[in-house]
Amino acid sequence: DGSDVKIVVQDTGLDESHPWVQKQTSDTEMINFSHYNDKDKKGHGTMVTDLATRYATGASVEMHKCLPSDDLEPTYNSFQRILDNPDGYDVLVMSWNTPKTQIDEIDEYINEIANEGIIPIAAAGNSYGETGSPATAKKCISIGALTEDGESVTNFSSWDKDDDPEPGFEGIPEVSAIGKSIIGANAEDGSLGHGINGTTTVASGTSFSCPFVANLVVDIVRRL
């Protein structure tokens, strides 16, 4: 039972009525920092939440709707809420990336959050090239994507091109998981991926390998 574990997800929102989300979580809360309504029109956040709670079930989830956005203000407001109540969270899931762009302010927030004992986990990105924030933060676990058979890295999965990394920071991604053709929960009227039916879709990306790893971390945290 993971009911003592609190996951905070920064994403496009959450369809709290989805049967998988209801079954796999002990509690959900949606906080909208974006400039849009609460609905998860994309379905991205709903699928990420599904995967982040799929095996180590029972955690509570606080969804911070920060996406889509034309600026970083929603994300910074989310970071600040986390820092204002660090004891209220265990794992931060960020299935988003600023492709090929490292942003100091984002990385500083992530490192500060990690210093408070919260474990930040971020997608490496799907740029077919160099990664960006938040995966570039030194205290963030960066996640790449593997093919369906788990034997090779996908061609879209981003990486760090630093040829001389600092000791203890040997490059990005630090961990990879399957991120190709993932079946997951789809929000009501969600446009994500290739819909199988009204509640399920198939999608690819480091966005979906990231919550798989997050769920393993949740499983470890709840055992401590």
C-alpha atoms as a PDB file:
ATOM      1  CA  ASP A   1       0.000   0.000   0.000  1.00  0.00           C
ATOM      2  CA  GLY A   2       1.459   3.348  -1.095  1.00  0.00           C
ATOM      3  CA  SER A   3      -1.098   5.584   0.623  1.00  0.00           C
ATOM      4  CA  ASP A   4       1.619   7.327   2.643  1.00  0.00           C
ATOM      5  CA  VAL A   5       3.425   8.397  -0.550  1.00  0.00           C
ATOM      6  CA  LYS A   6       2.560  11.676  -2.262  1.00  0.00           C
ATOM      7  CA  ILE A   7       3.376  12.183  -5.938  1.00  0.00           C
ATOM      8  CA  VAL A   8       3.253  15.609  -7.554  1.00  0.00           C
ATOM      9  CA  VAL A   9       2.958  15.641 -11.348  1.00  0.00           C
ATOM     10  CA  GLN A  10       3.533  18.690 -13.559  1.00  0.00           C
ATOM     11  CA  ASP A  11       1.568  18.158 -16.745  1.00  0.00           C
ATOM     12  CA  THR A  12      -1.539  18.926 -18.837  1.00  0.00           C
ATOM     13  CA  GLY A  13      -4.100  18.117 -16.170  1.00  0.00           C
ATOM     14  CA  LEU A  14      -5.871  14.974 -15.019  1.00  0.00           C
ATOM     15  CA  ASP A  15      -9.118  13.176 -15.775  1.00  0.00           C
ATOM     16  CA  GLU A  16      -9.831  12.203 -12.173  1.00  0.00           C
ATOM     17  CA  SER A  17     -12.858  10.175 -13.267  1.00  0.00           C
ATOM     18  CA  HIS A  18     -10.797   7.702 -15.310  1.00  0.00           C
ATOM     19  CA  PRO A  19     -11.349   4.212 -13.829  1.00  0.00           C
ATOM     20  CA  TRP A  20      -7.647   3.327 -13.821  1.00  0.00           C
ATOM     21  CA  VAL A  21      -6.730   6.554 -12.033  1.00  0.00           C
ATOM     22  CA  GLN A  22      -9.456   5.966  -9.457  1.00  0.00           C
ATOM     23  CA  LYS A  23      -8.387   2.366  -8.891  1.00  0.00           C
ATOM     24  CA  GLN A  24      -4.655   3.035  -8.649  1.00  0.00           C
ATOM     25  CA  THR A  25      -4.609   6.140  -6.413  1.00  0.00           C
ATOM     26  CA  SER A  26      -5.754   6.734  -2.863  1.00  0.00           C
ATOM     27  CA  ASP A  27      -6.546  10.371  -3.568  1.00  0.00           C
ATOM     28  CA  THR A  28      -6.140  12.941  -6.343  1.00  0.00           C
ATOM     29  CA  GLU A  29      -6.128  16.720  -6.398  1.00  0.00           C
ATOM     30  CA  MET A  30      -5.858  18.998  -9.418  1.00  0.00           C
ATOM     31  CA  ILE A  31      -4.320  22.465  -9.071  1.00  0.00           C
ATOM     32  CA  ASN A  32      -4.463  24.581 -12.203  1.00  0.00           C
ATOM     33  CA  PHE A  33      -1.510  26.933 -12.661  1.00  0.00           C
ATOM     34  CA  SER A  34      -2.095  27.236 -16.407  1.00  0.00           C
ATOM     35  CA  HIS A  35      -3.991  29.842 -18.413  1.00  0.00           C
ATOM     36  CA  TYR A  36      -6.533  27.224 -19.530  1.00  0.00           C
ATOM     37  CA  ASN A  37      -9.484  25.398 -17.968  1.00  0.00           C
ATOM     38  CA  ASP A  38      -9.111  22.286 -15.821  1.00  0.00           C
ATOM     39  CA  LYS A  39      -9.885  19.760 -18.562  1.00  0.00           C
ATOM     40  CA  ASP A  40      -7.047  17.523 -19.751  1.00  0.00           C
ATOM     41  CA  LYS A  41      -7.754  18.057 -23.432  1.00  0.00           C
ATOM     42  CA  LYS A  42      -4.515  16.419 -24.522  1.00  0.00           C
ATOM     43  CA  GLY A  43      -4.725  13.435 -22.206  1.00  0.00           C
ATOM     44  CA  HIS A  44      -0.981  13.542 -21.559  1.00  0.00           C
ATOM     45  CA  GLY A  45      -1.216  14.170 -17.822  1.00  0.00           C
ATOM     46  CA  THR A  46      -3.819  11.450 -17.386  1.00  0.00           C
ATOM     47  CA  MET A  47      -1.597   8.848 -19.070  1.00  0.00           C
ATOM     48  CA  VAL A  48       1.469   9.953 -17.087  1.00  0.00           C
ATOM     49  CA  THR A  49      -0.523   9.639 -13.842  1.00  0.00           C
ATOM     50  CA  ASP A  50      -1.716   6.176 -14.851  1.00  0.00           C
ATOM     51  CA  LEU A  51       1.837   4.972 -15.483  1.00  0.00           C
ATOM     52  CA  ALA A  52       3.232   6.616 -12.333  1.00  0.00           C
ATOM     53  CA  THR A  53       0.744   4.665 -10.187  1.00  0.00           C
ATOM     54  CA  ARG A  54       0.278   1.471 -12.194  1.00  0.00           C
ATOM     55  CA  TYR A  55       2.279  -1.102 -10.216  1.00  0.00           C
ATOM     56  CA  ALA A  56       3.060   0.533  -6.895  1.00  0.00           C
ATOM     57  CA  THR A  57      -0.568   1.547  -6.421  1.00  0.00           C
ATOM     58  CA  GLY A  58      -2.243   3.508  -3.664  1.00  0.00           C
ATOM     59  CA  ALA A  59      -0.222   6.730  -3.665  1.00  0.00           C
ATOM     60  CA  SER A  60      -1.938  10.097  -3.563  1.00  0.00           C
ATOM     61  CA  VAL A  61      -1.401  12.350  -6.566  1.00  0.00           C
ATOM     62  CA  GLU A  62      -1.388  16.124  -6.790  1.00  0.00           C
ATOM     63  CA  MET A  63      -1.584  17.219 -10.415  1.00  0.00           C
ATOM     64  CA  HIS A  64      -0.156  20.647 -11.169  1.00  0.00           C
ATOM     65  CA  LYS A  65      -1.565  21.699 -14.508  1.00  0.00           C
ATOM     66  CA  CYS A  66       1.273  23.774 -15.969  1.00  0.00           C
ATOM     67  CA  LEU A  67       0.880  22.801 -19.636  1.00  0.00           C
ATOM     68  CA  PRO A  68       0.261  23.915 -22.268  1.00  0.00           C
ATOM     69  CA  SER A  69       1.766  27.332 -21.660  1.00  0.00           C
ATOM     70  CA  ASP A  70       3.476  30.070 -23.629  1.00  0.00           C
ATOM     71  CA  ASP A  71       5.744  30.876 -20.690  1.00  0.00           C
ATOM     72  CA  LEU A  72       7.275  29.268 -17.611  1.00  0.00           C
ATOM     73  CA  GLU A  73       5.263  31.176 -14.999  1.00  0.00           C
ATOM     74  CA  PRO A  74       2.880  28.241 -14.308  1.00  0.00           C
ATOM     75  CA  THR A  75       5.827  25.896 -13.812  1.00  0.00           C
ATOM     76  CA  TYR A  76       7.640  28.324 -11.505  1.00  0.00           C
ATOM     77  CA  ASN A  77       4.444  28.758  -9.465  1.00  0.00           C
ATOM     78  CA  SER A  78       4.219  24.980  -9.157  1.00  0.00           C
ATOM     79  CA  PHE A  79       7.829  24.748  -7.994  1.00  0.00           C
ATOM     80  CA  GLN A  80       7.170  27.422  -5.396  1.00  0.00           C
ATOM     81  CA  ARG A  81       4.110  25.600  -4.042  1.00  0.00           C
ATOM     82  CA  ILE A  82       6.226  22.472  -3.622  1.00  0.00           C
ATOM     83  CA  LEU A  83       8.969  24.402  -1.824  1.00  0.00           C
ATOM     84  CA  ASP A  84       6.414  26.076   0.447  1.00  0.00           C
ATOM     85  CA  ASN A  85       5.339  22.633   1.713  1.00  0.00           C
ATOM     86  CA  PRO A  86       8.233  20.224   1.098  1.00  0.00           C
ATOM     87  CA  ASP A  87       7.101  17.727   3.723  1.00  0.00           C
ATOM     88  CA  GLY A  88       3.905  17.213   1.721  1.00  0.00           C
ATOM     89  CA  TYR A  89       5.582  15.522  -1.260  1.00  0.00           C
ATOM     90  CA  ASP A  90       7.841  12.551  -1.934  1.00  0.00           C
ATOM     91  CA  VAL A  91       8.308  12.318  -5.713  1.00  0.00           C
ATOM     92  CA  LEU A  92       8.084  14.969  -8.454  1.00  0.00           C
ATOM     93  CA  VAL A  93       7.271  13.679 -11.960  1.00  0.00           C
ATOM     94  CA  MET A  94       8.093  15.946 -14.913  1.00  0.00           C
ATOM     95  CA  SER A  95       7.270  14.414 -18.287  1.00  0.00           C
ATOM     96  CA  TRP A  96       8.263  17.572 -20.136  1.00  0.00           C
ATOM     97  CA  ASN A  97      11.463  19.092 -21.461  1.00  0.00           C
ATOM     98  CA  THR A  98      12.855  22.290 -22.982  1.00  0.00           C
ATOM     99  CA  PRO A  99      14.503  20.681 -26.036  1.00  0.00           C
ATOM    100  CA  LYS A 100      18.195  21.455 -26.504  1.00  0.00           C
ATOM    101  CA  THR A 101      17.883  24.303 -23.982  1.00  0.00           C
ATOM    102  CA  GLN A 102      19.263  24.303 -20.464  1.00  0.00           C
ATOM    103  CA  ILE A 103      17.570  26.943 -18.265  1.00  0.00           C
ATOM    104  CA  ASP A 104      19.411  27.838 -15.062  1.00  0.00           C
ATOM    105  CA  GLU A 105      16.324  28.946 -13.141  1.00  0.00           C
ATOM    106  CA  ILE A 106      14.524  25.647 -13.761  1.00  0.00           C
ATOM    107  CA  ASP A 107      17.561  23.611 -12.738  1.00  0.00           C
ATOM    108  CA  GLU A 108      18.063  25.702  -9.605  1.00  0.00           C
ATOM    109  CA  TYR A 109      14.458  25.054  -8.568  1.00  0.00           C
ATOM    110  CA  ILE A 110      14.906  21.316  -9.145  1.00  0.00           C
ATOM    111  CA  ASN A 111      18.111  21.160  -7.111  1.00  0.00           C
ATOM    112  CA  GLU A 112      16.467  23.090  -4.277  1.00  0.00           C
ATOM    113  CA  ILE A 113      13.483  20.727  -4.308  1.00  0.00           C
ATOM    114  CA  ALA A 114      15.849  17.747  -4.165  1.00  0.00           C
ATOM    115  CA  ASN A 115      17.635  19.319  -1.193  1.00  0.00           C
ATOM    116  CA  GLU A 116      14.297  19.236   0.630  1.00  0.00           C
ATOM    117  CA  GLY A 117      14.160  15.446   0.288  1.00  0.00           C
ATOM    118  CA  ILE A 118      11.799  15.256  -2.687  1.00  0.00           C
ATOM    119  CA  ILE A 119      12.957  13.024  -5.557  1.00  0.00           C
ATOM    120  CA  PRO A 120      12.698  14.812  -8.940  1.00  0.00           C
ATOM    121  CA  ILE A 121      12.357  12.614 -12.042  1.00  0.00           C
ATOM    122  CA  ALA A 122      12.266  14.093 -15.555  1.00  0.00           C
ATOM    123  CA  ALA A 123      11.909  12.961 -19.153  1.00  0.00           C
ATOM    124  CA  ALA A 124      15.068  13.451 -21.203  1.00  0.00           C
ATOM    125  CA  GLY A 125      12.986  14.673 -24.137  1.00  0.00           C
ATOM    126  CA  ASN A 126      12.247  13.574 -27.694  1.00  0.00           C
ATOM    127  CA  SER A 127      14.379  15.996 -29.692  1.00  0.00           C
ATOM    128  CA  TYR A 128      16.384  13.395 -31.639  1.00  0.00           C
ATOM    129  CA  GLY A 129      19.326  15.275 -30.160  1.00  0.00           C
ATOM    130  CA  GLU A 130      20.473  17.167 -27.101  1.00  0.00           C
ATOM    131  CA  THR A 131      18.341  17.328 -23.990  1.00  0.00           C
ATOM    132  CA  GLY A 132      17.296  20.380 -21.935  1.00  0.00           C
ATOM    133  CA  SER A 133      15.860  21.310 -18.552  1.00  0.00           C
ATOM    134  CA  PRO A 134      14.684  19.944 -16.178  1.00  0.00           C
ATOM    135  CA  ALA A 135      16.626  16.782 -17.093  1.00  0.00           C
ATOM    136  CA  THR A 136      19.858  18.802 -16.987  1.00  0.00           C
ATOM    137  CA  ALA A 137      19.501  19.582 -13.265  1.00  0.00           C
ATOM    138  CA  LYS A 138      22.265  17.787 -11.379  1.00  0.00           C
ATOM    139  CA  LYS A 139      19.941  16.478  -8.673  1.00  0.00           C
ATOM    140  CA  CYS A 140      17.277  15.243 -11.103  1.00  0.00           C
ATOM    141  CA  ILE A 141      16.972  11.648 -12.321  1.00  0.00           C
ATOM    142  CA  SER A 142      16.795  11.898 -16.122  1.00  0.00           C
ATOM    143  CA  ILE A 143      14.917   9.219 -18.070  1.00  0.00           C
ATOM    144  CA  GLY A 144      15.447   8.072 -21.648  1.00  0.00           C
ATOM    145  CA  ALA A 145      13.228   5.851 -23.798  1.00  0.00           C
ATOM    146  CA  LEU A 146      13.874   2.278 -24.953  1.00  0.00           C
ATOM    147  CA  THR A 147      12.229   0.405 -27.826  1.00  0.00           C
ATOM    148  CA  GLU A 148       9.370  -2.050 -27.239  1.00  0.00           C
ATOM    149  CA  ASP A 149      11.708  -4.984 -26.605  1.00  0.00           C
ATOM    150  CA  GLY A 150      13.826  -2.951 -24.179  1.00  0.00           C
ATOM    151  CA  GLU A 151      17.007  -3.805 -26.064  1.00  0.00           C
ATOM    152  CA  SER A 152      17.930  -0.438 -27.578  1.00  0.00           C
ATOM    153  CA  VAL A 153      17.432   3.293 -27.149  1.00  0.00           C
ATOM    154  CA  THR A 154      14.802   4.882 -29.393  1.00  0.00           C
ATOM    155  CA  ASN A 155      16.016   7.235 -32.093  1.00  0.00           C
ATOM    156  CA  PHE A 156      14.040  10.156 -30.620  1.00  0.00           C
ATOM    157  CA  SER A 157      15.299   9.873 -27.036  1.00  0.00           C
ATOM    158  CA  SER A 158      17.423  12.921 -26.136  1.00  0.00           C
ATOM    159  CA  TRP A 159      20.835  12.845 -24.501  1.00  0.00           C
ATOM    160  CA  ASP A 160      23.556  15.064 -23.040  1.00  0.00           C
ATOM    161  CA  LYS A 161      26.461  15.716 -25.391  1.00  0.00           C
ATOM    162  CA  ASP A 162      28.918  16.691 -22.661  1.00  0.00           C
ATOM    163  CA  ASP A 163      32.134  14.818 -23.512  1.00  0.00           C
ATOM    164  CA  ASP A 164      33.700  15.645 -20.147  1.00  0.00           C
ATOM    165  CA  PRO A 165      30.994  15.322 -17.462  1.00  0.00           C
ATOM    166  CA  GLU A 166      31.654  16.160 -13.843  1.00  0.00           C
ATOM    167  CA  PRO A 167      32.333  13.226 -11.481  1.00  0.00           C
ATOM    168  CA  GLY A 168      29.043  11.865 -10.192  1.00  0.00           C
ATOM    169  CA  PHE A 169      27.181  13.388 -13.125  1.00  0.00           C
ATOM    170  CA  GLU A 170      28.056  11.080 -15.981  1.00  0.00           C
ATOM    171  CA  GLY A 171      25.506  12.226 -18.494  1.00  0.00           C
ATOM    172  CA  ILE A 172      21.876  12.101 -19.525  1.00  0.00           C
ATOM    173  CA  PRO A 173      19.826   9.980 -19.468  1.00  0.00           C
ATOM    174  CA  GLU A 174      20.870   8.310 -16.255  1.00  0.00           C
ATOM    175  CA  VAL A 175      18.158   5.650 -16.545  1.00  0.00           C
ATOM    176  CA  SER A 176      16.114   4.402 -19.499  1.00  0.00           C
ATOM    177  CA  ALA A 177      12.854   2.449 -19.664  1.00  0.00           C
ATOM    178  CA  ILE A 178      10.512   1.328 -22.409  1.00  0.00           C
ATOM    179  CA  GLY A 179       8.945   4.388 -24.021  1.00  0.00           C
ATOM    180  CA  LYS A 180       7.740   3.092 -27.395  1.00  0.00           C
ATOM    181  CA  SER A 181       4.132   2.120 -28.149  1.00  0.00           C
ATOM    182  CA  ILE A 182       2.965   2.345 -24.531  1.00  0.00           C
ATOM    183  CA  ILE A 183      -0.678   1.558 -23.776  1.00  0.00           C
ATOM    184  CA  GLY A 184      -2.124   3.885 -21.177  1.00  0.00           C
ATOM    185  CA  ALA A 185      -5.121   5.761 -19.855  1.00  0.00           C
ATOM    186  CA  ASN A 186      -6.642   8.438 -22.067  1.00  0.00           C
ATOM    187  CA  ALA A 187      -8.590  11.381 -20.709  1.00  0.00           C
ATOM    188  CA  GLU A 188     -12.188  11.832 -21.791  1.00  0.00           C
ATOM    189  CA  ASP A 189     -12.000  13.289 -25.327  1.00  0.00           C
ATOM    190  CA  GLY A 190      -8.188  13.266 -25.026  1.00  0.00           C
ATOM    191  CA  SER A 191      -6.264  13.653 -28.278  1.00  0.00           C
ATOM    192  CA  LEU A 192      -3.097  11.829 -27.191  1.00  0.00           C
ATOM    193  CA  GLY A 193      -1.581   9.123 -29.392  1.00  0.00           C
ATOM    194  CA  HIS A 194      -3.641   6.547 -31.243  1.00  0.00           C
ATOM    195  CA  GLY A 195      -6.855   5.955 -29.340  1.00  0.00           C
ATOM    196  CA  ILE A 196      -7.902   2.332 -28.809  1.00  0.00           C
ATOM    197  CA  ASN A 197     -11.233   3.245 -27.254  1.00  0.00           C
ATOM    198  CA  GLY A 198     -12.651   6.049 -25.168  1.00  0.00           C
ATOM    199  CA  THR A 199     -10.433   5.342 -22.171  1.00  0.00           C
ATOM    200  CA  THR A 200      -7.216   3.900 -23.648  1.00  0.00           C
ATOM    201  CA  THR A 201      -4.557   5.083 -26.080  1.00  0.00           C
ATOM    202  CA  VAL A 202      -1.121   4.142 -27.429  1.00  0.00           C
ATOM    203  CA  ALA A 203       1.709   6.710 -27.349  1.00  0.00           C
ATOM    204  CA  SER A 204       5.499   6.919 -27.438  1.00  0.00           C
ATOM    205  CA  GLY A 205       8.046   9.208 -25.804  1.00  0.00           C
ATOM    206  CA  THR A 206      10.295   9.747 -22.825  1.00  0.00           C
ATOM    207  CA  SER A 207       7.148  11.244 -21.283  1.00  0.00           C
ATOM    208  CA  PHE A 208       5.980   7.681 -20.711  1.00  0.00           C
ATOM    209  CA  SER A 209       9.253   5.994 -19.777  1.00  0.00           C
ATOM    210  CA  CYS A 210       9.634   8.696 -17.101  1.00  0.00           C
ATOM    211  CA  PRO A 211       6.552   7.706 -15.023  1.00  0.00           C
ATOM    212  CA  PHE A 212       7.463   4.010 -15.273  1.00  0.00           C
ATOM    213  CA  VAL A 213      10.695   4.794 -13.437  1.00  0.00           C
ATOM    214  CA  ALA A 214       8.852   7.133 -11.076  1.00  0.00           C
ATOM    215  CA  ASN A 215       6.554   4.279 -10.106  1.00  0.00           C
ATOM    216  CA  LEU A 216       9.554   2.135  -9.182  1.00  0.00           C
ATOM    217  CA  VAL A 217      10.874   5.003  -7.049  1.00  0.00           C
ATOM    218  CA  VAL A 218       7.467   5.285  -5.364  1.00  0.00           C
ATOM    219  CA  ASP A 219       7.669   1.571  -4.569  1.00  0.00           C
ATOM    220  CA  ILE A 220      11.064   2.085  -2.917  1.00  0.00           C
ATOM    221  CA  VAL A 221       9.922   5.146  -0.959  1.00  0.00           C
ATOM    222  CA  ARG A 222       6.896   3.390   0.467  1.00  0.00           C
ATOM    223  CA  ARG A 223       9.092   0.569   1.761  1.00  0.00           C
ATOM    224  CA  LEU A 224      11.429   2.868   3.715  1.00  0.00           C
END
